[in-house]
Amino acid sequence: MIDAIQRLNIDYHFQEEIDAFLERQYVISTTNWDAFGNDLHQIALYFRLFRQQGYYVPADVFDKFTNKEGKFNQNLGGNIKGMIDLYEASQLSVAGEDMLDEAAQFSGLVLKEKMACLDDHEAKFVRKTLEHPFHKSMAMFTAQDFFGDFHGMNGWLGSFKQVAKLDFSLLQRLHQQEIIQVSKWWTELGLANELKLARNQPLKWYIWSLACLTDPTLSEERIELTKPISFIYLIDDIFDVYGTLDELRLFTDVVSRWDITASEQLPDNMKICFKALYDLINEISSKIYQKKGWDPTDSLRNAWKSLCKAFLVEAEWFANGNMPSAEEYLKNGIVSSGVHIVLVHIFFLLGQGLTEENVHTIDGIPSILSSSATILRLWDDMGNAEAFYFYELPSDFEFDVSRDFYGGKFISYAEFPYGAKPDEEAPPRGILTHAPETGEEDVEINVTGDGNAVVSTAV
């Protein structure tokens, strides 16, 4: 039932009940996974639900379904529901979990082979599972597809589907109102007129925010988050098309000093951009302080300083013709992706776990944030020719081979956010919830190379 509710994107209505149920089941399972017997469907489903919830579950719960060589038993192939759930479970793998790599390969191959033998509804669901696993998709964009798939044979699901359809209509109206407010803010800001070569995409920026903060109750937070997201793109364009290298160094210095007086020496377009950013950070910080009792000004300023410094590093690479190693490129790309900016703002806007220790952790870009940022950088670069230059790939390197190289890198980083065991680094819950989403939603936003995929799906 939880799986269906999540796929219908109405789980937020029942979040307390879901949390309580999974907590009870997790306590039971940690002492006795044998309670699930040999039901692959149940074990794989609970494995996925637990890991989605942030609980650590060892991959060896699947040992009972493998032979001495660690291969999954071939007789499992006739269990289509079990294969679907095993494939979905494998998407939450942790780096180094060979068991889940084998699970993904085995179940994926079986499902591809069986599709021709399934009816239309089953085949459609299997195809969607293989192309867009639930954990790496966004329920708000895929819920309508679930209305007619073959998992919906249970009688009680009809009632939930009706709720989901009504909920979808209500959410559409809410999101339309939010888009109106974002567009009004962007128009009144006037930067589209001042920076004519910069991107003018308030709808795309809002979708970024919507993908990060899906809870309908976070309407104000989504609107506020869209604003710094817009400046990630604007400042990126400043570095790409507006400034000479000396001007960009001066701009970075002004941002690092966070000195409005020093901005007078900047070119007009940079001066206008910095003044708007300066005012925005002060405005957001004031709102957070009034609501949460915490002044995030220093943390937000430091995040923007880091972003501009990372942009400058890339600009100097281009200008000087220097070719960084893949590791150097990725290390800088973790910051230049802008993910840290987004998640730092989310952390303070949500106001969960506002303590000195947690703020210090967030300021330092914890591993779960850097993993999300790396996922975005790798996925975005898969459609970006300049990235192949930066990765020091041979001149005769074929595109498909390059894509395989990226694919391997992407998988290794995509696995990491869900690998934290209870005794490992634990960021604040608000970030733990949204950091993995950011990496995943970026995939949807960038899937066509320019962000149109999500916009066309959501509107």
Protein backbone atom coordinates (compact mmCIF):
# COMPACT_ATOMS: atom_id res chain seq x y z
CA MET A 1 0.00 0.00 0.00
CA ILE A 2 2.82 2.42 0.85
CA ASP A 3 4.39 1.78 -2.55
CA ALA A 4 1.13 2.62 -4.33
CA ILE A 5 0.55 5.75 -2.22
CA GLN A 6 4.05 6.99 -3.02
CA ARG A 7 3.65 6.30 -6.72
CA LEU A 8 0.38 8.25 -6.71
CA ASN A 9 2.19 11.18 -5.06
CA ILE A 10 -0.24 11.40 -2.15
CA ASP A 11 2.09 10.02 0.51
CA TYR A 12 2.43 13.42 2.16
CA HIS A 13 -1.18 13.07 3.34
CA PHE A 14 -0.17 9.95 5.29
CA GLN A 15 3.44 10.72 6.15
CA GLU A 16 3.09 10.30 9.91
CA GLU A 17 1.39 6.93 9.49
CA ILE A 18 3.99 5.82 6.93
CA ASP A 19 6.86 6.89 9.18
CA ALA A 20 5.41 5.07 12.18
CA PHE A 21 4.69 1.90 10.22
CA LEU A 22 8.12 1.72 8.61
CA GLU A 23 9.81 2.38 11.94
CA ARG A 24 7.94 -0.55 13.51
CA GLN A 25 8.67 -2.81 10.57
CA TYR A 26 12.32 -1.85 10.56
CA VAL A 27 12.67 -2.77 14.23
CA ILE A 28 11.09 -6.14 13.48
CA SER A 29 13.18 -6.78 10.38
CA THR A 30 16.51 -6.01 12.02
CA THR A 31 15.99 -8.93 14.36
CA ASN A 32 14.20 -11.28 12.00
CA TRP A 33 14.29 -10.83 8.23
CA ASP A 34 13.19 -14.46 8.05
CA ALA A 35 9.72 -13.24 8.97
CA PHE A 36 9.36 -12.34 5.28
CA GLY A 37 10.11 -15.94 4.31
CA ASN A 38 11.24 -16.46 0.72
CA ASP A 39 8.94 -13.82 -0.76
CA LEU A 40 11.26 -11.88 -3.08
CA HIS A 41 8.59 -9.26 -3.73
CA GLN A 42 8.16 -8.48 -0.02
CA ILE A 43 11.86 -8.49 0.82
CA ALA A 44 12.84 -6.31 -2.14
CA LEU A 45 9.97 -3.90 -1.50
CA TYR A 46 10.78 -3.45 2.18
CA PHE A 47 14.47 -3.12 1.33
CA ARG A 48 13.66 -0.20 -0.97
CA LEU A 49 11.18 1.45 1.38
CA PHE A 50 13.60 1.24 4.30
CA ARG A 51 16.51 2.69 2.36
CA GLN A 52 14.32 5.45 0.94
CA GLN A 53 13.40 6.28 4.52
CA GLY A 54 17.07 6.56 5.46
CA TYR A 55 17.36 3.23 7.30
CA TYR A 56 20.45 1.14 6.70
CA VAL A 57 19.69 -2.35 5.38
CA PRO A 58 22.50 -4.74 4.37
CA ALA A 59 22.39 -6.16 0.87
CA ASP A 60 22.91 -9.68 2.20
CA VAL A 61 19.16 -9.95 2.83
CA PHE A 62 19.13 -11.21 -0.77
CA ASP A 63 21.65 -14.00 -0.10
CA LYS A 64 18.88 -16.57 0.17
CA PHE A 65 18.03 -15.99 -3.50
CA THR A 66 21.54 -16.65 -4.82
CA ASN A 67 23.70 -19.69 -5.48
CA LYS A 68 27.22 -20.39 -4.25
CA GLU A 69 28.70 -18.20 -6.98
CA GLY A 70 26.65 -15.22 -5.83
CA LYS A 71 24.38 -15.35 -8.87
CA PHE A 72 20.61 -15.08 -8.54
CA ASN A 73 18.72 -18.32 -9.03
CA GLN A 74 17.34 -18.61 -12.53
CA ASN A 75 13.99 -19.94 -11.31
CA LEU A 76 13.20 -16.47 -9.94
CA GLY A 77 12.72 -15.23 -13.49
CA GLY A 78 9.08 -16.30 -13.61
CA ASN A 79 8.18 -13.96 -10.74
CA ILE A 80 7.59 -10.71 -12.65
CA LYS A 81 6.45 -8.74 -9.62
CA GLY A 82 9.51 -9.95 -7.72
CA MET A 83 11.78 -9.00 -10.61
CA ILE A 84 10.30 -5.51 -10.76
CA ASP A 85 10.81 -4.99 -7.04
CA LEU A 86 14.32 -6.44 -7.15
CA TYR A 87 15.23 -4.04 -9.96
CA GLU A 88 13.74 -1.11 -8.04
CA ALA A 89 15.62 -2.15 -4.89
CA SER A 90 18.91 -2.33 -6.77
CA GLN A 91 18.63 1.37 -7.60
CA LEU A 92 19.41 2.25 -3.97
CA SER A 93 22.75 0.54 -4.00
CA VAL A 94 25.78 1.64 -2.03
CA ALA A 95 29.19 1.81 -3.68
CA GLY A 96 30.82 -1.60 -3.48
CA GLU A 97 27.63 -3.62 -3.05
CA ASP A 98 28.26 -6.29 -5.67
CA MET A 99 25.06 -8.06 -4.63
CA LEU A 100 22.91 -5.15 -5.79
CA ASP A 101 24.93 -4.71 -8.97
CA GLU A 102 24.20 -8.35 -9.73
CA ALA A 103 20.53 -7.80 -8.80
CA ALA A 104 20.23 -4.92 -11.25
CA GLN A 105 21.86 -6.86 -14.06
CA PHE A 106 19.88 -10.05 -13.46
CA SER A 107 16.44 -8.47 -12.97
CA GLY A 108 16.96 -5.99 -15.79
CA LEU A 109 17.85 -8.75 -18.23
CA VAL A 110 14.91 -10.93 -17.15
CA LEU A 111 12.42 -8.07 -17.45
CA LYS A 112 13.64 -7.17 -20.93
CA GLU A 113 13.31 -10.79 -22.04
CA LYS A 114 9.84 -11.22 -20.51
CA MET A 115 8.27 -8.06 -21.93
CA ALA A 116 7.21 -9.76 -25.14
CA CYS A 117 5.21 -12.31 -23.10
CA LEU A 118 3.30 -9.75 -21.01
CA ASP A 119 0.01 -8.04 -21.75
CA ASP A 120 0.07 -4.40 -22.81
CA HIS A 121 -0.39 -2.93 -19.31
CA GLU A 122 2.27 -5.14 -17.74
CA ALA A 123 4.72 -4.54 -20.59
CA LYS A 124 4.19 -0.79 -20.33
CA PHE A 125 4.85 -0.81 -16.59
CA VAL A 126 7.97 -2.93 -16.99
CA ARG A 127 9.28 -0.66 -19.74
CA LYS A 128 8.77 2.42 -17.57
CA THR A 129 10.45 0.71 -14.64
CA LEU A 130 13.53 -0.05 -16.71
CA GLU A 131 13.70 3.42 -18.25
CA HIS A 132 12.75 5.43 -15.17
CA PRO A 133 13.02 3.51 -11.88
CA PHE A 134 10.77 5.00 -9.20
CA HIS A 135 13.64 6.05 -6.96
CA LYS A 136 15.27 8.00 -9.78
CA SER A 137 12.06 9.63 -10.98
CA MET A 138 9.69 12.17 -9.49
CA ALA A 139 6.25 10.99 -8.44
CA MET A 140 4.64 14.35 -9.11
CA PHE A 141 5.50 13.95 -12.80
CA THR A 142 4.78 10.22 -13.09
CA ALA A 143 1.70 9.74 -10.89
CA GLN A 144 -0.73 9.95 -13.80
CA ASP A 145 1.05 7.09 -15.54
CA PHE A 146 0.40 4.91 -12.50
CA PHE A 147 -3.38 5.33 -12.73
CA GLY A 148 -3.68 2.56 -15.32
CA ASP A 149 -0.81 0.17 -14.71
CA PHE A 150 -1.23 -3.46 -13.68
CA HIS A 151 -0.26 -2.92 -10.01
CA GLY A 152 -3.66 -1.32 -9.60
CA MET A 153 -5.80 -4.45 -9.42
CA ASN A 154 -6.45 -4.17 -5.68
CA GLY A 155 -9.92 -2.83 -4.97
CA TRP A 156 -8.75 -0.27 -2.41
CA LEU A 157 -6.47 1.32 -4.97
CA GLY A 158 -9.42 2.77 -6.85
CA SER A 159 -10.21 5.07 -3.93
CA PHE A 160 -6.61 6.21 -3.71
CA LYS A 161 -6.58 6.92 -7.43
CA GLN A 162 -9.59 9.18 -7.07
CA VAL A 163 -7.84 11.03 -4.26
CA ALA A 164 -4.71 11.32 -6.40
CA LYS A 165 -6.63 12.75 -9.37
CA LEU A 166 -8.27 15.38 -7.19
CA ASP A 167 -4.97 16.09 -5.49
CA PHE A 168 -3.26 16.52 -8.85
CA SER A 169 -5.78 19.16 -9.90
CA LEU A 170 -5.39 21.05 -6.63
CA LEU A 171 -1.61 20.94 -6.88
CA GLN A 172 -1.75 22.25 -10.44
CA ARG A 173 -3.65 25.30 -9.26
CA LEU A 174 -1.23 25.83 -6.40
CA HIS A 175 1.79 25.58 -8.69
CA GLN A 176 0.20 27.94 -11.21
CA GLN A 177 -0.23 30.54 -8.47
CA GLU A 178 3.38 30.07 -7.43
CA ILE A 179 4.54 30.55 -11.02
CA ILE A 180 2.59 33.81 -11.17
CA GLN A 181 4.35 35.05 -8.04
CA VAL A 182 7.77 34.01 -9.31
CA SER A 183 7.15 35.69 -12.67
CA LYS A 184 6.03 38.87 -10.92
CA TRP A 185 9.18 38.91 -8.79
CA TRP A 186 11.40 38.32 -11.81
CA THR A 187 9.74 41.05 -13.86
CA GLU A 188 9.95 43.59 -11.05
CA LEU A 189 13.60 42.71 -10.44
CA GLY A 190 14.34 43.95 -13.96
CA LEU A 191 17.49 41.92 -14.57
CA ALA A 192 16.13 40.47 -17.81
CA ASN A 193 16.30 43.98 -19.28
CA GLU A 194 19.70 44.78 -17.78
CA LEU A 195 21.38 41.47 -18.66
CA LYS A 196 20.00 40.76 -22.10
CA LEU A 197 22.54 38.03 -22.89
CA ALA A 198 21.79 36.13 -19.69
CA ARG A 199 19.17 33.43 -19.44
CA ASN A 200 15.59 34.53 -18.89
CA GLN A 201 13.94 31.30 -17.69
CA PRO A 202 11.90 31.88 -14.51
CA LEU A 203 9.71 28.85 -15.23
CA LYS A 204 12.71 26.53 -15.44
CA TRP A 205 14.12 27.97 -12.22
CA TYR A 206 10.81 27.44 -10.49
CA ILE A 207 10.69 23.81 -11.66
CA TRP A 208 14.13 23.34 -10.06
CA SER A 209 12.64 24.56 -6.80
CA LEU A 210 9.49 22.47 -7.20
CA ALA A 211 11.58 19.37 -7.78
CA CYS A 212 13.53 20.00 -4.56
CA LEU A 213 10.57 20.91 -2.35
CA THR A 214 7.62 18.80 -3.42
CA ASP A 215 5.56 19.11 -0.24
CA PRO A 216 2.48 21.27 -1.04
CA THR A 217 2.76 22.97 2.35
CA LEU A 218 6.12 24.47 1.33
CA SER A 219 4.70 26.99 -1.13
CA GLU A 220 6.46 30.02 0.33
CA GLU A 221 9.75 28.12 0.58
CA ARG A 222 9.54 27.11 -3.10
CA ILE A 223 9.04 30.70 -4.16
CA GLU A 224 11.95 31.88 -2.02
CA LEU A 225 14.22 29.07 -3.25
CA THR A 226 13.56 29.98 -6.88
CA LYS A 227 15.24 33.34 -6.32
CA PRO A 228 18.76 32.12 -5.46
CA ILE A 229 18.42 29.42 -8.12
CA SER A 230 17.91 32.16 -10.70
CA PHE A 231 21.13 33.83 -9.58
CA ILE A 232 23.11 30.62 -10.06
CA TYR A 233 22.24 30.82 -13.74
CA LEU A 234 22.69 34.59 -13.97
CA ILE A 235 26.14 34.55 -12.42
CA ASP A 236 27.08 31.56 -14.56
CA ASP A 237 26.18 33.67 -17.59
CA ILE A 238 28.18 36.60 -16.21
CA PHE A 239 31.22 34.34 -16.22
CA ASP A 240 30.42 32.81 -19.60
CA VAL A 241 29.49 35.81 -21.75
CA TYR A 242 29.88 39.13 -19.99
CA GLY A 243 33.32 39.55 -18.48
CA THR A 244 36.97 39.54 -19.39
CA LEU A 245 39.16 37.43 -17.14
CA ASP A 246 40.34 40.51 -15.24
CA GLU A 247 36.76 41.68 -14.76
CA LEU A 248 35.73 38.25 -13.53
CA ARG A 249 38.57 38.24 -11.02
CA LEU A 250 37.42 41.63 -9.78
CA PHE A 251 33.82 40.44 -9.57
CA THR A 252 34.89 37.37 -7.59
CA ASP A 253 36.91 39.57 -5.24
CA VAL A 254 33.91 41.84 -4.63
CA VAL A 255 31.67 38.86 -3.89
CA SER A 256 34.32 37.38 -1.60
CA ARG A 257 34.56 40.63 0.34
CA TRP A 258 30.77 41.08 0.13
CA ASP A 259 31.38 44.82 -0.15
CA ILE A 260 28.67 46.87 -1.84
CA THR A 261 30.97 49.91 -1.94
CA ALA A 262 33.70 47.98 -3.75
CA SER A 263 31.18 46.99 -6.43
CA GLU A 264 31.34 50.54 -7.81
CA GLN A 265 34.51 49.59 -9.68
CA LEU A 266 32.73 46.79 -11.55
CA PRO A 267 31.30 47.06 -15.07
CA ASP A 268 27.65 48.10 -14.98
CA ASN A 269 26.20 44.64 -15.70
CA MET A 270 28.26 43.04 -12.93
CA LYS A 271 27.51 45.88 -10.54
CA ILE A 272 23.76 45.48 -11.12
CA CYS A 273 23.95 41.71 -10.67
CA PHE A 274 25.94 41.91 -7.44
CA LYS A 275 23.65 44.60 -6.00
CA ALA A 276 20.61 42.41 -6.73
CA LEU A 277 22.29 39.36 -5.15
CA TYR A 278 23.38 41.42 -2.13
CA ASP A 279 19.83 42.65 -1.56
CA LEU A 280 18.34 39.18 -2.07
CA ILE A 281 20.59 37.51 0.50
CA ASN A 282 19.81 40.23 3.03
CA GLU A 283 16.09 39.82 2.34
CA ILE A 284 16.12 36.02 2.63
CA SER A 285 18.29 36.15 5.75
CA SER A 286 15.90 38.61 7.38
CA LYS A 287 12.89 36.39 6.63
CA ILE A 288 14.63 33.31 8.01
CA TYR A 289 15.69 35.14 11.15
CA GLN A 290 12.14 36.37 11.75
CA LYS A 291 10.66 32.88 11.30
CA LYS A 292 13.37 30.57 12.61
CA GLY A 293 15.35 32.79 14.99
CA TRP A 294 18.63 32.13 13.17
CA ASP A 295 20.63 34.57 11.05
CA PRO A 296 22.04 32.62 8.07
CA THR A 297 23.75 35.61 6.44
CA ASP A 298 27.32 34.38 6.91
CA SER A 299 26.55 30.89 5.64
CA LEU A 300 24.72 32.17 2.57
CA ARG A 301 27.46 34.68 1.77
CA ASN A 302 30.14 32.01 2.08
CA ALA A 303 28.22 29.71 -0.26
CA TRP A 304 28.07 32.41 -2.94
CA LYS A 305 31.75 33.20 -2.46
CA SER A 306 32.59 29.54 -3.07
CA LEU A 307 30.41 29.41 -6.18
CA CYS A 308 32.04 32.46 -7.77
CA LYS A 309 35.52 31.17 -6.98
CA ALA A 310 34.64 27.86 -8.67
CA PHE A 311 33.28 29.70 -11.72
CA LEU A 312 36.51 31.72 -11.85
CA VAL A 313 38.63 28.56 -11.76
CA GLU A 314 36.77 27.25 -14.82
CA ALA A 315 37.10 30.61 -16.58
CA GLU A 316 40.86 30.58 -15.99
CA TRP A 317 41.11 27.03 -17.31
CA PHE A 318 39.47 28.13 -20.54
CA ALA A 319 41.40 31.36 -20.85
CA ASN A 320 44.79 29.78 -20.22
CA GLY A 321 44.15 26.60 -22.15
CA ASN A 322 44.93 24.50 -19.10
CA MET A 323 43.52 21.00 -19.11
CA PRO A 324 42.60 19.80 -15.61
CA SER A 325 42.50 16.15 -14.71
CA ALA A 326 39.12 14.48 -14.35
CA GLU A 327 39.44 14.56 -10.58
CA GLU A 328 40.35 18.26 -10.55
CA TYR A 329 37.43 19.03 -12.82
CA LEU A 330 35.00 17.09 -10.65
CA LYS A 331 36.31 18.57 -7.42
CA ASN A 332 35.69 22.07 -8.71
CA GLY A 333 32.47 20.97 -10.41
CA ILE A 334 31.00 19.93 -7.06
CA VAL A 335 30.90 23.64 -6.22
CA SER A 336 30.27 25.11 -9.68
CA SER A 337 27.21 22.87 -10.12
CA GLY A 338 25.35 25.18 -7.74
CA VAL A 339 23.91 22.28 -5.75
CA HIS A 340 25.53 23.48 -2.54
CA ILE A 341 23.86 26.88 -2.99
CA VAL A 342 20.47 25.22 -3.40
CA LEU A 343 20.82 22.88 -0.43
CA VAL A 344 22.21 25.52 1.93
CA HIS A 345 19.19 27.70 1.17
CA ILE A 346 16.87 24.72 1.62
CA PHE A 347 18.45 23.96 4.99
CA PHE A 348 17.80 27.43 6.34
CA LEU A 349 14.40 27.90 4.68
CA LEU A 350 13.14 24.67 6.26
CA GLY A 351 14.79 25.49 9.57
CA GLN A 352 15.15 21.87 10.66
CA GLY A 353 18.08 21.11 12.96
CA LEU A 354 19.38 24.68 13.26
CA THR A 355 22.31 24.16 15.62
CA GLU A 356 25.90 25.39 15.56
CA GLU A 357 27.12 21.88 14.81
CA ASN A 358 24.74 21.33 11.91
CA VAL A 359 25.41 24.75 10.43
CA HIS A 360 29.14 24.05 10.60
CA THR A 361 28.53 20.74 8.81
CA ILE A 362 26.50 22.38 6.06
CA ASP A 363 29.05 25.14 5.57
CA GLY A 364 31.71 22.50 4.99
CA ILE A 365 29.81 20.77 2.14
CA PRO A 366 29.28 17.31 3.69
CA SER A 367 29.75 14.24 1.56
CA ILE A 368 26.06 13.73 0.86
CA LEU A 369 25.87 17.24 -0.63
CA SER A 370 29.00 16.76 -2.70
CA SER A 371 27.63 13.45 -4.02
CA SER A 372 24.46 15.15 -5.26
CA ALA A 373 26.56 17.89 -6.84
CA THR A 374 28.80 15.35 -8.56
CA ILE A 375 25.78 13.53 -9.98
CA LEU A 376 24.52 16.79 -11.48
CA ARG A 377 27.92 17.68 -12.92
CA LEU A 378 28.41 14.27 -14.54
CA TRP A 379 24.89 14.04 -15.91
CA ASP A 380 24.89 17.59 -17.24
CA ASP A 381 28.27 17.05 -18.88
CA MET A 382 27.04 13.97 -20.71
CA GLY A 383 25.32 16.36 -23.11
CA ASN A 384 28.07 18.98 -23.05
CA ALA A 385 30.92 18.84 -25.54
CA GLU A 386 33.26 20.99 -23.45
CA ALA A 387 33.30 18.34 -20.74
CA PHE A 388 35.08 15.87 -23.01
CA TYR A 389 37.84 18.43 -23.40
CA PHE A 390 38.12 18.79 -19.64
CA TYR A 391 38.28 15.05 -19.02
CA GLU A 392 41.51 14.69 -21.01
CA LEU A 393 39.93 12.12 -23.32
CA PRO A 394 41.91 11.14 -26.42
CA SER A 395 40.98 12.98 -29.62
CA ASP A 396 39.78 9.76 -31.26
CA PHE A 397 37.61 8.82 -28.29
CA GLU A 398 34.20 7.82 -29.65
CA PHE A 399 31.12 9.51 -28.17
CA ASP A 400 29.52 6.23 -27.10
CA VAL A 401 32.69 5.17 -25.33
CA SER A 402 32.83 8.55 -23.63
CA ARG A 403 29.26 8.15 -22.51
CA ASP A 404 30.14 4.75 -21.04
CA PHE A 405 32.98 6.40 -19.12
CA TYR A 406 30.58 8.95 -17.72
CA GLY A 407 28.01 6.27 -16.99
CA GLY A 408 30.42 4.37 -14.78
CA LYS A 409 31.43 7.53 -12.96
CA PHE A 410 27.82 8.57 -12.55
CA ILE A 411 26.79 5.26 -11.05
CA SER A 412 29.61 5.27 -8.53
CA TYR A 413 28.61 8.69 -7.25
CA ALA A 414 24.87 8.09 -7.50
CA GLU A 415 25.20 5.15 -5.15
CA PHE A 416 26.91 7.10 -2.40
CA PRO A 417 24.12 9.15 -0.74
CA TYR A 418 22.33 6.03 0.47
CA GLY A 419 25.42 4.30 1.79
CA ALA A 420 25.66 5.97 5.18
CA LYS A 421 25.56 3.47 7.98
CA PRO A 422 24.22 4.57 11.37
CA ASP A 423 27.71 5.36 12.69
CA GLU A 424 28.76 7.41 9.68
CA GLU A 425 28.45 11.13 8.98
CA ALA A 426 24.83 12.20 9.35
CA PRO A 427 23.80 15.60 7.99
CA PRO A 428 20.66 17.29 9.33
CA ARG A 429 17.44 15.47 8.48
CA GLY A 430 16.17 18.28 6.23
CA ILE A 431 19.25 18.01 4.05
CA LEU A 432 19.30 14.20 4.23
CA THR A 433 15.78 14.26 2.78
CA HIS A 434 16.43 16.71 -0.03
CA ALA A 435 20.08 16.14 -1.01
CA PRO A 436 19.41 12.85 -2.86
CA GLU A 437 16.38 14.42 -4.52
CA THR A 438 18.51 17.21 -5.91
CA GLY A 439 20.83 14.84 -7.72
CA GLU A 440 17.88 12.92 -9.10
CA GLU A 441 15.74 15.85 -10.07
CA ASP A 442 18.67 17.38 -11.89
CA VAL A 443 18.66 14.31 -14.11
CA GLU A 444 15.10 15.10 -15.10
CA ILE A 445 15.76 18.79 -15.54
CA ASN A 446 18.80 18.18 -17.72
CA VAL A 447 17.73 15.06 -19.55
CA THR A 448 17.34 16.92 -22.88
CA GLY A 449 20.45 19.00 -22.34
CA ASP A 450 18.59 22.28 -21.87
CA GLY A 451 16.03 21.61 -19.17
CA ASN A 452 12.93 21.43 -21.34
CA ALA A 453 12.02 17.87 -20.42
CA VAL A 454 10.77 18.67 -16.96
CA VAL A 455 9.09 21.89 -17.99
CA SER A 456 7.09 20.16 -20.68
CA THR A 457 6.14 17.38 -18.28
CA ALA A 458 5.11 19.60 -15.41
CA VAL A 459 3.08 22.22 -17.23
